[in-house]
Amino acid sequence: MLTRVYGTAFFSAKELDAHLERLEQARARDHRKLGRELDLFSFSDLSPGSPFWHPAGQAIWNALSQLWREQNAARGYQEVHTPILYDVELWKQSGHWDKYRDHMYFTEVEGGRWASSR
C-alpha cells in the first residue's frame, strides 16, 4: 500500500513563522467563512456546489461584473455568451471527456446525450 506524504521545508524559523502566518491569514479570509459571516451566499443540497446569492452577495457580483465589462470594453474585447449544454461528442473530441466526465451534468435531449461542466 502506498501513502502519499507531503512536506514543506524552510531555511529558517523566521521563514516557517511567516509561512504559518500566511496560512492563518488565508483561513481568516476564506470565502466560505466570509460568505456565511457577511450573509453573501449559502449552499443547499438541492443544488450542490452552486451558490444561492443573497442580496449583499448579488450586489458584489453585479459590481464586479460591471467592472469586468468596463475593463474588457476599454481593451476592445466583445462579450459573447455560449450554450451551457453540448453534445457529449464535443467533450470527447476536445479531450475533456476522460478528465472531467465524473464531474459533469448529463441530460437526454431529443434522443441525444448532452453534458455541461457548469
PDB file of N, CA and C in Angstrom:
ATOM      1  N   MET A   1       0.844  -1.179   0.000  1.00  0.00           N
ATOM      2  CA  MET A   1       0.000   0.000   0.000  1.00  0.00           C
ATOM      3  C   MET A   1       0.884   1.235   0.000  1.00  0.00           C
ATOM      4  N   LEU A   2       0.549   2.185  -0.864  1.00  0.00           N
ATOM      5  CA  LEU A   2       1.311   3.428  -0.952  1.00  0.00           C
ATOM      6  C   LEU A   2       0.631   4.520  -0.146  1.00  0.00           C
ATOM      7  N   THR A   3       1.418   5.353   0.464  1.00  0.00           N
ATOM      8  CA  THR A   3       0.911   6.509   1.191  1.00  0.00           C
ATOM      9  C   THR A   3       1.639   7.736   0.694  1.00  0.00           C
ATOM     10  N   ARG A   4       0.891   8.744   0.310  1.00  0.00           N
ATOM     11  CA  ARG A   4       1.495   9.987  -0.143  1.00  0.00           C
ATOM     12  C   ARG A   4       1.762  10.863   1.072  1.00  0.00           C
ATOM     13  N   VAL A   5       2.970  11.362   1.174  1.00  0.00           N
ATOM     14  CA  VAL A   5       3.358  12.222   2.280  1.00  0.00           C
ATOM     15  C   VAL A   5       3.776  13.566   1.708  1.00  0.00           C
ATOM     16  N   TYR A   6       3.210  14.630   2.226  1.00  0.00           N
ATOM     17  CA  TYR A   6       3.559  15.977   1.792  1.00  0.00           C
ATOM     18  C   TYR A   6       4.438  16.621   2.855  1.00  0.00           C
ATOM     19  N   GLY A   7       5.382  17.401   2.426  1.00  0.00           N
ATOM     20  CA  GLY A   7       6.245  18.085   3.369  1.00  0.00           C
ATOM     21  C   GLY A   7       6.672  19.437   2.824  1.00  0.00           C
ATOM     22  N   THR A   8       6.977  20.330   3.711  1.00  0.00           N
ATOM     23  CA  THR A   8       7.474  21.645   3.350  1.00  0.00           C
ATOM     24  C   THR A   8       8.669  21.933   4.232  1.00  0.00           C
ATOM     25  N   ALA A   9       9.712  22.469   3.638  1.00  0.00           N
ATOM     26  CA  ALA A   9      10.928  22.772   4.395  1.00  0.00           C
ATOM     27  C   ALA A   9      11.236  24.258   4.289  1.00  0.00           C
ATOM     28  N   PHE A  10      11.819  24.786   5.337  1.00  0.00           N
ATOM     29  CA  PHE A  10      12.188  26.201   5.384  1.00  0.00           C
ATOM     30  C   PHE A  10      13.628  26.317   5.847  1.00  0.00           C
ATOM     31  N   PHE A  11      14.304  27.344   5.382  1.00  0.00           N
ATOM     32  CA  PHE A  11      15.709  27.537   5.736  1.00  0.00           C
ATOM     33  C   PHE A  11      15.881  28.112   7.138  1.00  0.00           C
ATOM     34  N   SER A  12      14.804  28.725   7.655  1.00  0.00           N
ATOM     35  CA  SER A  12      14.932  29.314   8.984  1.00  0.00           C
ATOM     36  C   SER A  12      13.586  29.279   9.705  1.00  0.00           C
ATOM     37  N   ALA A  13      13.643  29.442  11.005  1.00  0.00           N
ATOM     38  CA  ALA A  13      12.413  29.506  11.807  1.00  0.00           C
ATOM     39  C   ALA A  13      11.593  30.728  11.425  1.00  0.00           C
ATOM     40  N   LYS A  14      12.262  31.792  11.033  1.00  0.00           N
ATOM     41  CA  LYS A  14      11.579  33.024  10.628  1.00  0.00           C
ATOM     42  C   LYS A  14      10.727  32.778   9.379  1.00  0.00           C
ATOM     43  N   GLU A  15      11.286  32.036   8.406  1.00  0.00           N
ATOM     44  CA  GLU A  15      10.526  31.710   7.199  1.00  0.00           C
ATOM     45  C   GLU A  15       9.342  30.815   7.519  1.00  0.00           C
ATOM     46  N   LEU A  16       9.533  29.862   8.423  1.00  0.00           N
ATOM     47  CA  LEU A  16       8.434  28.992   8.855  1.00  0.00           C
ATOM     48  C   LEU A  16       7.339  29.824   9.517  1.00  0.00           C
ATOM     49  N   ASP A  17       7.715  30.723  10.410  1.00  0.00           N
ATOM     50  CA  ASP A  17       6.734  31.579  11.085  1.00  0.00           C
ATOM     51  C   ASP A  17       5.959  32.424  10.081  1.00  0.00           C
ATOM     52  N   ALA A  18       6.658  32.962   9.079  1.00  0.00           N
ATOM     53  CA  ALA A  18       5.997  33.770   8.060  1.00  0.00           C
ATOM     54  C   ALA A  18       5.002  32.927   7.266  1.00  0.00           C
ATOM     55  N   HIS A  19       5.390  31.701   6.942  1.00  0.00           N
ATOM     56  CA  HIS A  19       4.503  30.794   6.217  1.00  0.00           C
ATOM     57  C   HIS A  19       3.266  30.467   7.047  1.00  0.00           C
ATOM     58  N   LEU A  20       3.456  30.151   8.316  1.00  0.00           N
ATOM     59  CA  LEU A  20       2.323  29.838   9.193  1.00  0.00           C
ATOM     60  C   LEU A  20       1.398  31.039   9.349  1.00  0.00           C
ATOM     61  N   GLU A  21       1.954  32.228   9.393  1.00  0.00           N
ATOM     62  CA  GLU A  21       1.141  33.451   9.475  1.00  0.00           C
ATOM     63  C   GLU A  21       0.311  33.629   8.207  1.00  0.00           C
ATOM     64  N   ARG A  22       0.903  33.366   7.033  1.00  0.00           N
ATOM     65  CA  ARG A  22       0.155  33.466   5.771  1.00  0.00           C
ATOM     66  C   ARG A  22      -0.987  32.458   5.734  1.00  0.00           C
ATOM     67  N   LEU A  23      -0.744  31.246   6.218  1.00  0.00           N
ATOM     68  CA  LEU A  23      -1.813  30.248   6.270  1.00  0.00           C
ATOM     69  C   LEU A  23      -2.949  30.695   7.182  1.00  0.00           C
ATOM     70  N   GLU A  24      -2.602  31.266   8.316  1.00  0.00           N
ATOM     71  CA  GLU A  24      -3.622  31.754   9.251  1.00  0.00           C
ATOM     72  C   GLU A  24      -4.427  32.897   8.633  1.00  0.00           C
ATOM     73  N   GLN A  25      -3.753  33.805   7.965  1.00  0.00           N
ATOM     74  CA  GLN A  25      -4.452  34.913   7.296  1.00  0.00           C
ATOM     75  C   GLN A  25      -5.378  34.391   6.203  1.00  0.00           C
ATOM     76  N   ALA A  26      -4.922  33.382   5.462  1.00  0.00           N
ATOM     77  CA  ALA A  26      -5.756  32.797   4.414  1.00  0.00           C
ATOM     78  C   ALA A  26      -7.005  32.153   5.014  1.00  0.00           C
ATOM     79  N   ARG A  27      -6.849  31.464   6.145  1.00  0.00           N
ATOM     80  CA  ARG A  27      -8.015  30.866   6.813  1.00  0.00           C
ATOM     81  C   ARG A  27      -9.004  31.950   7.249  1.00  0.00           C
ATOM     82  N   ALA A  28      -8.494  33.070   7.731  1.00  0.00           N
ATOM     83  CA  ALA A  28      -9.366  34.154   8.189  1.00  0.00           C
ATOM     84  C   ALA A  28     -10.118  34.796   7.025  1.00  0.00           C
ATOM     85  N   ARG A  29      -9.542  34.749   5.818  1.00  0.00           N
ATOM     86  CA  ARG A  29     -10.167  35.369   4.644  1.00  0.00           C
ATOM     87  C   ARG A  29     -10.856  34.354   3.736  1.00  0.00           C
ATOM     88  N   ASP A  30     -11.019  33.134   4.203  1.00  0.00           N
ATOM     89  CA  ASP A  30     -11.631  32.088   3.394  1.00  0.00           C
ATOM     90  C   ASP A  30     -13.020  32.533   2.934  1.00  0.00           C
ATOM     91  N   HIS A  31     -13.274  32.452   1.637  1.00  0.00           N
ATOM     92  CA  HIS A  31     -14.543  32.931   1.096  1.00  0.00           C
ATOM     93  C   HIS A  31     -15.745  32.172   1.660  1.00  0.00           C
ATOM     94  N   ARG A  32     -15.576  30.913   2.010  1.00  0.00           N
ATOM     95  CA  ARG A  32     -16.706  30.167   2.575  1.00  0.00           C
ATOM     96  C   ARG A  32     -17.074  30.706   3.946  1.00  0.00           C
ATOM     97  N   LYS A  33     -16.070  31.045   4.742  1.00  0.00           N
ATOM     98  CA  LYS A  33     -16.302  31.608   6.076  1.00  0.00           C
ATOM     99  C   LYS A  33     -16.902  33.015   5.965  1.00  0.00           C
ATOM    100  N   LEU A  34     -16.295  33.847   5.111  1.00  0.00           N
ATOM    101  CA  LEU A  34     -16.781  35.217   4.948  1.00  0.00           C
ATOM    102  C   LEU A  34     -18.184  35.249   4.350  1.00  0.00           C
ATOM    103  N   GLY A  35     -18.459  34.333   3.435  1.00  0.00           N
ATOM    104  CA  GLY A  35     -19.789  34.283   2.835  1.00  0.00           C
ATOM    105  C   GLY A  35     -20.877  34.059   3.866  1.00  0.00           C
ATOM    106  N   ARG A  36     -20.615  33.166   4.827  1.00  0.00           N
ATOM    107  CA  ARG A  36     -21.585  32.925   5.912  1.00  0.00           C
ATOM    108  C   ARG A  36     -21.675  34.131   6.837  1.00  0.00           C
ATOM    109  N   GLU A  37     -20.498  34.632   7.262  1.00  0.00           N
ATOM    110  CA  GLU A  37     -20.476  35.723   8.232  1.00  0.00           C
ATOM    111  C   GLU A  37     -21.110  36.999   7.693  1.00  0.00           C
ATOM    112  N   LEU A  38     -20.905  37.290   6.412  1.00  0.00           N
ATOM    113  CA  LEU A  38     -21.422  38.522   5.811  1.00  0.00           C
ATOM    114  C   LEU A  38     -22.762  38.319   5.116  1.00  0.00           C
ATOM    115  N   ASP A  39     -23.314  37.104   5.204  1.00  0.00           N
ATOM    116  CA  ASP A  39     -24.593  36.762   4.586  1.00  0.00           C
ATOM    117  C   ASP A  39     -24.581  37.070   3.085  1.00  0.00           C
ATOM    118  N   LEU A  40     -23.482  36.651   2.411  1.00  0.00           N
ATOM    119  CA  LEU A  40     -23.355  36.903   0.980  1.00  0.00           C
ATOM    120  C   LEU A  40     -23.997  35.800   0.145  1.00  0.00           C
ATOM    121  N   PHE A  41     -23.870  34.562   0.584  1.00  0.00           N
ATOM    122  CA  PHE A  41     -24.411  33.433  -0.169  1.00  0.00           C
ATOM    123  C   PHE A  41     -24.585  32.245   0.760  1.00  0.00           C
ATOM    124  N   SER A  42     -25.296  31.253   0.270  1.00  0.00           N
ATOM    125  CA  SER A  42     -25.455  29.999   1.004  1.00  0.00           C
ATOM    126  C   SER A  42     -25.475  28.864  -0.004  1.00  0.00           C
ATOM    127  N   PHE A  43     -25.404  27.652   0.508  1.00  0.00           N
ATOM    128  CA  PHE A  43     -25.454  26.461  -0.333  1.00  0.00           C
ATOM    129  C   PHE A  43     -26.597  25.580   0.129  1.00  0.00           C
ATOM    130  N   SER A  44     -27.081  24.759  -0.772  1.00  0.00           N
ATOM    131  CA  SER A  44     -28.190  23.870  -0.466  1.00  0.00           C
ATOM    132  C   SER A  44     -27.946  22.517  -1.113  1.00  0.00           C
ATOM    133  N   ASP A  45     -28.428  21.467  -0.477  1.00  0.00           N
ATOM    134  CA  ASP A  45     -28.347  20.132  -1.052  1.00  0.00           C
ATOM    135  C   ASP A  45     -29.188  20.024  -2.325  1.00  0.00           C
ATOM    136  N   LEU A  46     -30.085  20.991  -2.543  1.00  0.00           N
ATOM    137  CA  LEU A  46     -30.911  20.979  -3.745  1.00  0.00           C
ATOM    138  C   LEU A  46     -30.090  21.246  -5.002  1.00  0.00           C
ATOM    139  N   SER A  47     -28.932  21.905  -4.834  1.00  0.00           N
ATOM    140  CA  SER A  47     -28.041  22.188  -5.959  1.00  0.00           C
ATOM    141  C   SER A  47     -26.607  22.239  -5.441  1.00  0.00           C
ATOM    142  N   PRO A  48     -26.025  21.077  -5.133  1.00  0.00           N
ATOM    143  CA  PRO A  48     -24.701  21.029  -4.518  1.00  0.00           C
ATOM    144  C   PRO A  48     -23.646  21.778  -5.335  1.00  0.00           C
ATOM    145  N   GLY A  49     -22.853  22.567  -4.638  1.00  0.00           N
ATOM    146  CA  GLY A  49     -21.759  23.281  -5.277  1.00  0.00           C
ATOM    147  C   GLY A  49     -22.154  24.573  -5.960  1.00  0.00           C
ATOM    148  N   SER A  50     -23.436  24.886  -5.975  1.00  0.00           N
ATOM    149  CA  SER A  50     -23.905  26.112  -6.624  1.00  0.00           C
ATOM    150  C   SER A  50     -24.371  27.105  -5.564  1.00  0.00           C
ATOM    151  N   PRO A  51     -23.829  28.304  -5.558  1.00  0.00           N
ATOM    152  CA  PRO A  51     -24.228  29.270  -4.533  1.00  0.00           C
ATOM    153  C   PRO A  51     -25.606  29.859  -4.793  1.00  0.00           C
ATOM    154  N   PHE A  52     -26.305  30.113  -3.718  1.00  0.00           N
ATOM    155  CA  PHE A  52     -27.532  30.893  -3.742  1.00  0.00           C
ATOM    156  C   PHE A  52     -27.135  32.278  -3.247  1.00  0.00           C
ATOM    157  N   TRP A  53     -27.087  33.253  -4.153  1.00  0.00           N
ATOM    158  CA  TRP A  53     -26.608  34.593  -3.810  1.00  0.00           C
ATOM    159  C   TRP A  53     -27.673  35.359  -3.048  1.00  0.00           C
ATOM    160  N   HIS A  54     -27.296  35.887  -1.905  1.00  0.00           N
ATOM    161  CA  HIS A  54     -28.182  36.741  -1.115  1.00  0.00           C
ATOM    162  C   HIS A  54     -28.026  38.168  -1.619  1.00  0.00           C
ATOM    163  N   PRO A  55     -28.898  39.108  -1.196  1.00  0.00           N
ATOM    164  CA  PRO A  55     -28.845  40.469  -1.743  1.00  0.00           C
ATOM    165  C   PRO A  55     -27.462  41.132  -1.680  1.00  0.00           C
ATOM    166  N   ALA A  56     -26.768  41.057  -0.550  1.00  0.00           N
ATOM    167  CA  ALA A  56     -25.448  41.699  -0.457  1.00  0.00           C
ATOM    168  C   ALA A  56     -24.437  41.023  -1.381  1.00  0.00           C
ATOM    169  N   GLY A  57     -24.501  39.710  -1.480  1.00  0.00           N
ATOM    170  CA  GLY A  57     -23.608  38.987  -2.373  1.00  0.00           C
ATOM    171  C   GLY A  57     -23.905  39.284  -3.832  1.00  0.00           C
ATOM    172  N   GLN A  58     -25.182  39.393  -4.167  1.00  0.00           N
ATOM    173  CA  GLN A  58     -25.554  39.720  -5.548  1.00  0.00           C
ATOM    174  C   GLN A  58     -25.108  41.131  -5.911  1.00  0.00           C
ATOM    175  N   ALA A  59     -25.151  42.046  -4.950  1.00  0.00           N
ATOM    176  CA  ALA A  59     -24.673  43.411  -5.203  1.00  0.00           C
ATOM    177  C   ALA A  59     -23.176  43.398  -5.522  1.00  0.00           C
ATOM    178  N   ILE A  60     -22.411  42.598  -4.790  1.00  0.00           N
ATOM    179  CA  ILE A  60     -20.975  42.482  -5.074  1.00  0.00           C
ATOM    180  C   ILE A  60     -20.778  41.854  -6.444  1.00  0.00           C
ATOM    181  N   TRP A  61     -21.519  40.786  -6.737  1.00  0.00           N
ATOM    182  CA  TRP A  61     -21.433  40.129  -8.043  1.00  0.00           C
ATOM    183  C   TRP A  61     -21.700  41.136  -9.168  1.00  0.00           C
ATOM    184  N   ASN A  62     -22.755  41.924  -9.006  1.00  0.00           N
ATOM    185  CA  ASN A  62     -23.112  42.901 -10.039  1.00  0.00           C
ATOM    186  C   ASN A  62     -22.030  43.964 -10.212  1.00  0.00           C
ATOM    187  N   ALA A  63     -21.463  44.434  -9.101  1.00  0.00           N
ATOM    188  CA  ALA A  63     -20.404  45.450  -9.175  1.00  0.00           C
ATOM    189  C   ALA A  63     -19.162  44.889  -9.877  1.00  0.00           C
ATOM    190  N   LEU A  64     -18.788  43.656  -9.541  1.00  0.00           N
ATOM    191  CA  LEU A  64     -17.639  43.030 -10.195  1.00  0.00           C
ATOM    192  C   LEU A  64     -17.912  42.775 -11.677  1.00  0.00           C
ATOM    193  N   SER A  65     -19.127  42.359 -12.002  1.00  0.00           N
ATOM    194  CA  SER A  65     -19.484  42.129 -13.401  1.00  0.00           C
ATOM    195  C   SER A  65     -19.412  43.428 -14.201  1.00  0.00           C
ATOM    196  N   GLN A  66     -19.891  44.513 -13.606  1.00  0.00           N
ATOM    197  CA  GLN A  66     -19.839  45.804 -14.284  1.00  0.00           C
ATOM    198  C   GLN A  66     -18.391  46.244 -14.502  1.00  0.00           C
ATOM    199  N   LEU A  67     -17.558  46.099 -13.484  1.00  0.00           N
ATOM    200  CA  LEU A  67     -16.141  46.442 -13.612  1.00  0.00           C
ATOM    201  C   LEU A  67     -15.484  45.594 -14.699  1.00  0.00           C
ATOM    202  N   TRP A  68     -15.778  44.309 -14.703  1.00  0.00           N
ATOM    203  CA  TRP A  68     -15.242  43.395 -15.708  1.00  0.00           C
ATOM    204  C   TRP A  68     -15.645  43.847 -17.116  1.00  0.00           C
ATOM    205  N   ARG A  69     -16.925  44.189 -17.285  1.00  0.00           N
ATOM    206  CA  ARG A  69     -17.397  44.644 -18.596  1.00  0.00           C
ATOM    207  C   ARG A  69     -16.709  45.943 -19.008  1.00  0.00           C
ATOM    208  N   GLU A  70     -16.577  46.880 -18.087  1.00  0.00           N
ATOM    209  CA  GLU A  70     -15.916  48.155 -18.399  1.00  0.00           C
ATOM    210  C   GLU A  70     -14.460  47.941 -18.796  1.00  0.00           C
ATOM    211  N   GLN A  71     -13.750  47.120 -18.046  1.00  0.00           N
ATOM    212  CA  GLN A  71     -12.334  46.856 -18.335  1.00  0.00           C
ATOM    213  C   GLN A  71     -12.165  46.127 -19.667  1.00  0.00           C
ATOM    214  N   ASN A  72     -13.013  45.168 -19.932  1.00  0.00           N
ATOM    215  CA  ASN A  72     -12.925  44.453 -21.202  1.00  0.00           C
ATOM    216  C   ASN A  72     -13.252  45.371 -22.379  1.00  0.00           C
ATOM    217  N   ALA A  73     -14.278  46.194 -22.234  1.00  0.00           N
ATOM    218  CA  ALA A  73     -14.642  47.121 -23.317  1.00  0.00           C
ATOM    219  C   ALA A  73     -13.510  48.106 -23.579  1.00  0.00           C
ATOM    220  N   ALA A  74     -12.881  48.594 -22.520  1.00  0.00           N
ATOM    221  CA  ALA A  74     -11.770  49.535 -22.679  1.00  0.00           C
ATOM    222  C   ALA A  74     -10.599  48.906 -23.425  1.00  0.00           C
ATOM    223  N   ARG A  75     -10.499  47.597 -23.382  1.00  0.00           N
ATOM    224  CA  ARG A  75      -9.408  46.893 -24.055  1.00  0.00           C
ATOM    225  C   ARG A  75      -9.829  46.305 -25.403  1.00  0.00           C
ATOM    226  N   GLY A  76     -11.051  46.630 -25.824  1.00  0.00           N
ATOM    227  CA  GLY A  76     -11.512  46.202 -27.139  1.00  0.00           C
ATOM    228  C   GLY A  76     -12.139  44.825 -27.210  1.00  0.00           C
ATOM    229  N   TYR A  77     -12.361  44.192 -26.048  1.00  0.00           N
ATOM    230  CA  TYR A  77     -12.994  42.876 -26.060  1.00  0.00           C
ATOM    231  C   TYR A  77     -14.491  43.018 -26.291  1.00  0.00           C
ATOM    232  N   GLN A  78     -15.074  42.033 -26.962  1.00  0.00           N
ATOM    233  CA  GLN A  78     -16.513  41.993 -27.149  1.00  0.00           C
ATOM    234  C   GLN A  78     -17.064  40.799 -26.394  1.00  0.00           C
ATOM    235  N   GLU A  79     -18.175  40.997 -25.732  1.00  0.00           N
ATOM    236  CA  GLU A  79     -18.767  39.949 -24.908  1.00  0.00           C
ATOM    237  C   GLU A  79     -19.604  39.001 -25.761  1.00  0.00           C
ATOM    238  N   VAL A  80     -19.490  37.720 -25.485  1.00  0.00           N
ATOM    239  CA  VAL A  80     -20.316  36.694 -26.118  1.00  0.00           C
ATOM    240  C   VAL A  80     -20.892  35.815 -25.020  1.00  0.00           C
ATOM    241  N   HIS A  81     -21.873  35.037 -25.363  1.00  0.00           N
ATOM    242  CA  HIS A  81     -22.466  34.090 -24.415  1.00  0.00           C
ATOM    243  C   HIS A  81     -22.619  32.765 -25.137  1.00  0.00           C
ATOM    244  N   THR A  82     -22.080  31.709 -24.568  1.00  0.00           N
ATOM    245  CA  THR A  82     -22.118  30.393 -25.203  1.00  0.00           C
ATOM    246  C   THR A  82     -23.117  29.488 -24.496  1.00  0.00           C
ATOM    247  N   PRO A  83     -23.555  28.424 -25.167  1.00  0.00           N
ATOM    248  CA  PRO A  83     -24.510  27.493 -24.549  1.00  0.00           C
ATOM    249  C   PRO A  83     -23.914  26.811 -23.316  1.00  0.00           C
ATOM    250  N   ILE A  84     -24.793  26.306 -22.492  1.00  0.00           N
ATOM    251  CA  ILE A  84     -24.376  25.570 -21.307  1.00  0.00           C
ATOM    252  C   ILE A  84     -24.226  24.081 -21.639  1.00  0.00           C
ATOM    253  N   LEU A  85     -25.111  23.558 -22.467  1.00  0.00           N
ATOM    254  CA  LEU A  85     -25.104  22.138 -22.818  1.00  0.00           C
ATOM    255  C   LEU A  85     -24.475  21.921 -24.189  1.00  0.00           C
ATOM    256  N   TYR A  86     -23.676  20.841 -24.288  1.00  0.00           N
ATOM    257  CA  TYR A  86     -23.077  20.445 -25.550  1.00  0.00           C
ATOM    258  C   TYR A  86     -23.237  18.938 -25.720  1.00  0.00           C
ATOM    259  N   ASP A  87     -23.294  18.506 -26.962  1.00  0.00           N
ATOM    260  CA  ASP A  87     -23.302  17.086 -27.279  1.00  0.00           C
ATOM    261  C   ASP A  87     -22.040  16.464 -26.671  1.00  0.00           C
ATOM    262  N   VAL A  88     -22.173  15.296 -26.062  1.00  0.00           N
ATOM    263  CA  VAL A  88     -21.017  14.673 -25.416  1.00  0.00           C
ATOM    264  C   VAL A  88     -19.875  14.420 -26.397  1.00  0.00           C
ATOM    265  N   GLU A  89     -20.187  14.298 -27.669  1.00  0.00           N
ATOM    266  CA  GLU A  89     -19.139  14.077 -28.671  1.00  0.00           C
ATOM    267  C   GLU A  89     -18.152  15.239 -28.712  1.00  0.00           C
ATOM    268  N   LEU A  90     -18.620  16.458 -28.464  1.00  0.00           N
ATOM    269  CA  LEU A  90     -17.711  17.607 -28.430  1.00  0.00           C
ATOM    270  C   LEU A  90     -16.729  17.481 -27.272  1.00  0.00           C
ATOM    271  N   TRP A  91     -17.225  17.033 -26.113  1.00  0.00           N
ATOM    272  CA  TRP A  91     -16.351  16.856 -24.946  1.00  0.00           C
ATOM    273  C   TRP A  91     -15.303  15.778 -25.222  1.00  0.00           C
ATOM    274  N   LYS A  92     -15.703  14.729 -25.943  1.00  0.00           N
ATOM    275  CA  LYS A  92     -14.750  13.675 -26.291  1.00  0.00           C
ATOM    276  C   LYS A  92     -13.707  14.194 -27.281  1.00  0.00           C
ATOM    277  N   GLN A  93     -14.167  14.926 -28.291  1.00  0.00           N
ATOM    278  CA  GLN A  93     -13.270  15.463 -29.317  1.00  0.00           C
ATOM    279  C   GLN A  93     -12.263  16.451 -28.724  1.00  0.00           C
ATOM    280  N   SER A  94     -12.692  17.244 -27.755  1.00  0.00           N
ATOM    281  CA  SER A  94     -11.825  18.271 -27.168  1.00  0.00           C
ATOM    282  C   SER A  94     -10.807  17.691 -26.186  1.00  0.00           C
ATOM    283  N   GLY A  95     -11.025  16.436 -25.759  1.00  0.00           N
ATOM    284  CA  GLY A  95     -10.121  15.821 -24.799  1.00  0.00           C
ATOM    285  C   GLY A  95     -10.535  16.019 -23.353  1.00  0.00           C
ATOM    286  N   HIS A  96     -11.640  16.712 -23.123  1.00  0.00           N
ATOM    287  CA  HIS A  96     -12.109  16.972 -21.765  1.00  0.00           C
ATOM    288  C   HIS A  96     -12.855  15.774 -21.163  1.00  0.00           C
ATOM    289  N   TRP A  97     -13.377  14.925 -22.005  1.00  0.00           N
ATOM    290  CA  TRP A  97     -14.239  13.826 -21.563  1.00  0.00           C
ATOM    291  C   TRP A  97     -13.573  12.935 -20.522  1.00  0.00           C
ATOM    292  N   ASP A  98     -12.386  12.425 -20.823  1.00  0.00           N
ATOM    293  CA  ASP A  98     -11.734  11.484 -19.912  1.00  0.00           C
ATOM    294  C   ASP A  98     -11.389  12.113 -18.572  1.00  0.00           C
ATOM    295  N   LYS A  99     -11.069  13.378 -18.577  1.00  0.00           N
ATOM    296  CA  LYS A  99     -10.643  14.034 -17.340  1.00  0.00           C
ATOM    297  C   LYS A  99     -11.816  14.548 -16.498  1.00  0.00           C
ATOM    298  N   TYR A 100     -12.884  15.022 -17.137  1.00  0.00           N
ATOM    299  CA  TYR A 100     -13.931  15.737 -16.401  1.00  0.00           C
ATOM    300  C   TYR A 100     -15.290  15.049 -16.341  1.00  0.00           C
ATOM    301  N   ARG A 101     -15.495  13.947 -17.049  1.00  0.00           N
ATOM    302  CA  ARG A 101     -16.846  13.386 -17.138  1.00  0.00           C
ATOM    303  C   ARG A 101     -17.443  13.019 -15.792  1.00  0.00           C
ATOM    304  N   ASP A 102     -16.618  12.656 -14.806  1.00  0.00           N
ATOM    305  CA  ASP A 102     -17.154  12.290 -13.491  1.00  0.00           C
ATOM    306  C   ASP A 102     -17.728  13.489 -12.747  1.00  0.00           C
ATOM    307  N   HIS A 103     -17.418  14.700 -13.222  1.00  0.00           N
ATOM    308  CA  HIS A 103     -17.884  15.912 -12.546  1.00  0.00           C
ATOM    309  C   HIS A 103     -18.812  16.732 -13.436  1.00  0.00           C
ATOM    310  N   MET A 104     -19.355  16.096 -14.459  1.00  0.00           N
ATOM    311  CA  MET A 104     -20.237  16.795 -15.394  1.00  0.00           C
ATOM    312  C   MET A 104     -21.692  16.431 -15.141  1.00  0.00           C
ATOM    313  N   TYR A 105     -22.568  17.247 -15.694  1.00  0.00           N
ATOM    314  CA  TYR A 105     -24.008  17.035 -15.600  1.00  0.00           C
ATOM    315  C   TYR A 105     -24.494  16.560 -16.956  1.00  0.00           C
ATOM    316  N   PHE A 106     -25.391  15.587 -16.967  1.00  0.00           N
ATOM    317  CA  PHE A 106     -25.853  14.989 -18.208  1.00  0.00           C
ATOM    318  C   PHE A 106     -27.363  15.066 -18.312  1.00  0.00           C
ATOM    319  N   THR A 107     -27.833  15.086 -19.548  1.00  0.00           N
ATOM    320  CA  THR A 107     -29.261  15.026 -19.817  1.00  0.00           C
ATOM    321  C   THR A 107     -29.463  14.425 -21.197  1.00  0.00           C
ATOM    322  N   GLU A 108     -30.646  13.907 -21.417  1.00  0.00           N
ATOM    323  CA  GLU A 108     -31.025  13.376 -22.727  1.00  0.00           C
ATOM    324  C   GLU A 108     -31.965  14.394 -23.366  1.00  0.00           C
ATOM    325  N   VAL A 109     -31.645  14.804 -24.596  1.00  0.00           N
ATOM    326  CA  VAL A 109     -32.484  15.750 -25.326  1.00  0.00           C
ATOM    327  C   VAL A 109     -32.695  15.217 -26.730  1.00  0.00           C
ATOM    328  N   GLU A 110     -33.937  15.004 -27.096  1.00  0.00           N
ATOM    329  CA  GLU A 110     -34.305  14.546 -28.432  1.00  0.00           C
ATOM    330  C   GLU A 110     -33.448  13.365 -28.888  1.00  0.00           C
ATOM    331  N   GLY A 111     -33.245  12.405 -28.004  1.00  0.00           N
ATOM    332  CA  GLY A 111     -32.520  11.195 -28.336  1.00  0.00           C
ATOM    333  C   GLY A 111     -31.007  11.304 -28.285  1.00  0.00           C
ATOM    334  N   GLY A 112     -30.490  12.485 -27.961  1.00  0.00           N
ATOM    335  CA  GLY A 112     -29.040  12.660 -27.871  1.00  0.00           C
ATOM    336  C   GLY A 112     -28.612  12.862 -26.431  1.00  0.00           C
ATOM    337  N   ARG A 113     -27.349  12.565 -26.167  1.00  0.00           N
ATOM    338  CA  ARG A 113     -26.803  12.743 -24.809  1.00  0.00           C
ATOM    339  C   ARG A 113     -26.021  14.043 -24.768  1.00  0.00           C
ATOM    340  N   TRP A 114     -26.365  14.892 -23.836  1.00  0.00           N
ATOM    341  CA  TRP A 114     -25.780  16.220 -23.711  1.00  0.00           C
ATOM    342  C   TRP A 114     -25.117  16.365 -22.333  1.00  0.00           C
ATOM    343  N   ALA A 115     -24.108  17.229 -22.262  1.00  0.00           N
ATOM    344  CA  ALA A 115     -23.389  17.396 -20.989  1.00  0.00           C
ATOM    345  C   ALA A 115     -23.024  18.855 -20.767  1.00  0.00           C
ATOM    346  N   SER A 116     -22.869  19.183 -19.506  1.00  0.00           N
ATOM    347  CA  SER A 116     -22.452  20.525 -19.107  1.00  0.00           C
ATOM    348  C   SER A 116     -21.415  20.403 -18.017  1.00  0.00           C
ATOM    349  N   SER A 117     -20.461  21.310 -18.008  1.00  0.00           N
ATOM    350  CA  SER A 117     -19.460  21.310 -16.946  1.00  0.00           C
ATOM    351  C   SER A 117     -19.797  22.336 -15.881  1.00  0.00           C
ATOM    352  N   ARG A 118     -20.853  23.110 -16.068  1.00  0.00           N
ATOM    353  CA  ARG A 118     -21.231  24.131 -15.100  1.00  0.00           C
ATOM    354  C   ARG A 118     -22.341  23.643 -14.210  1.00  0.00           C
TER     355      ARG A 118
END
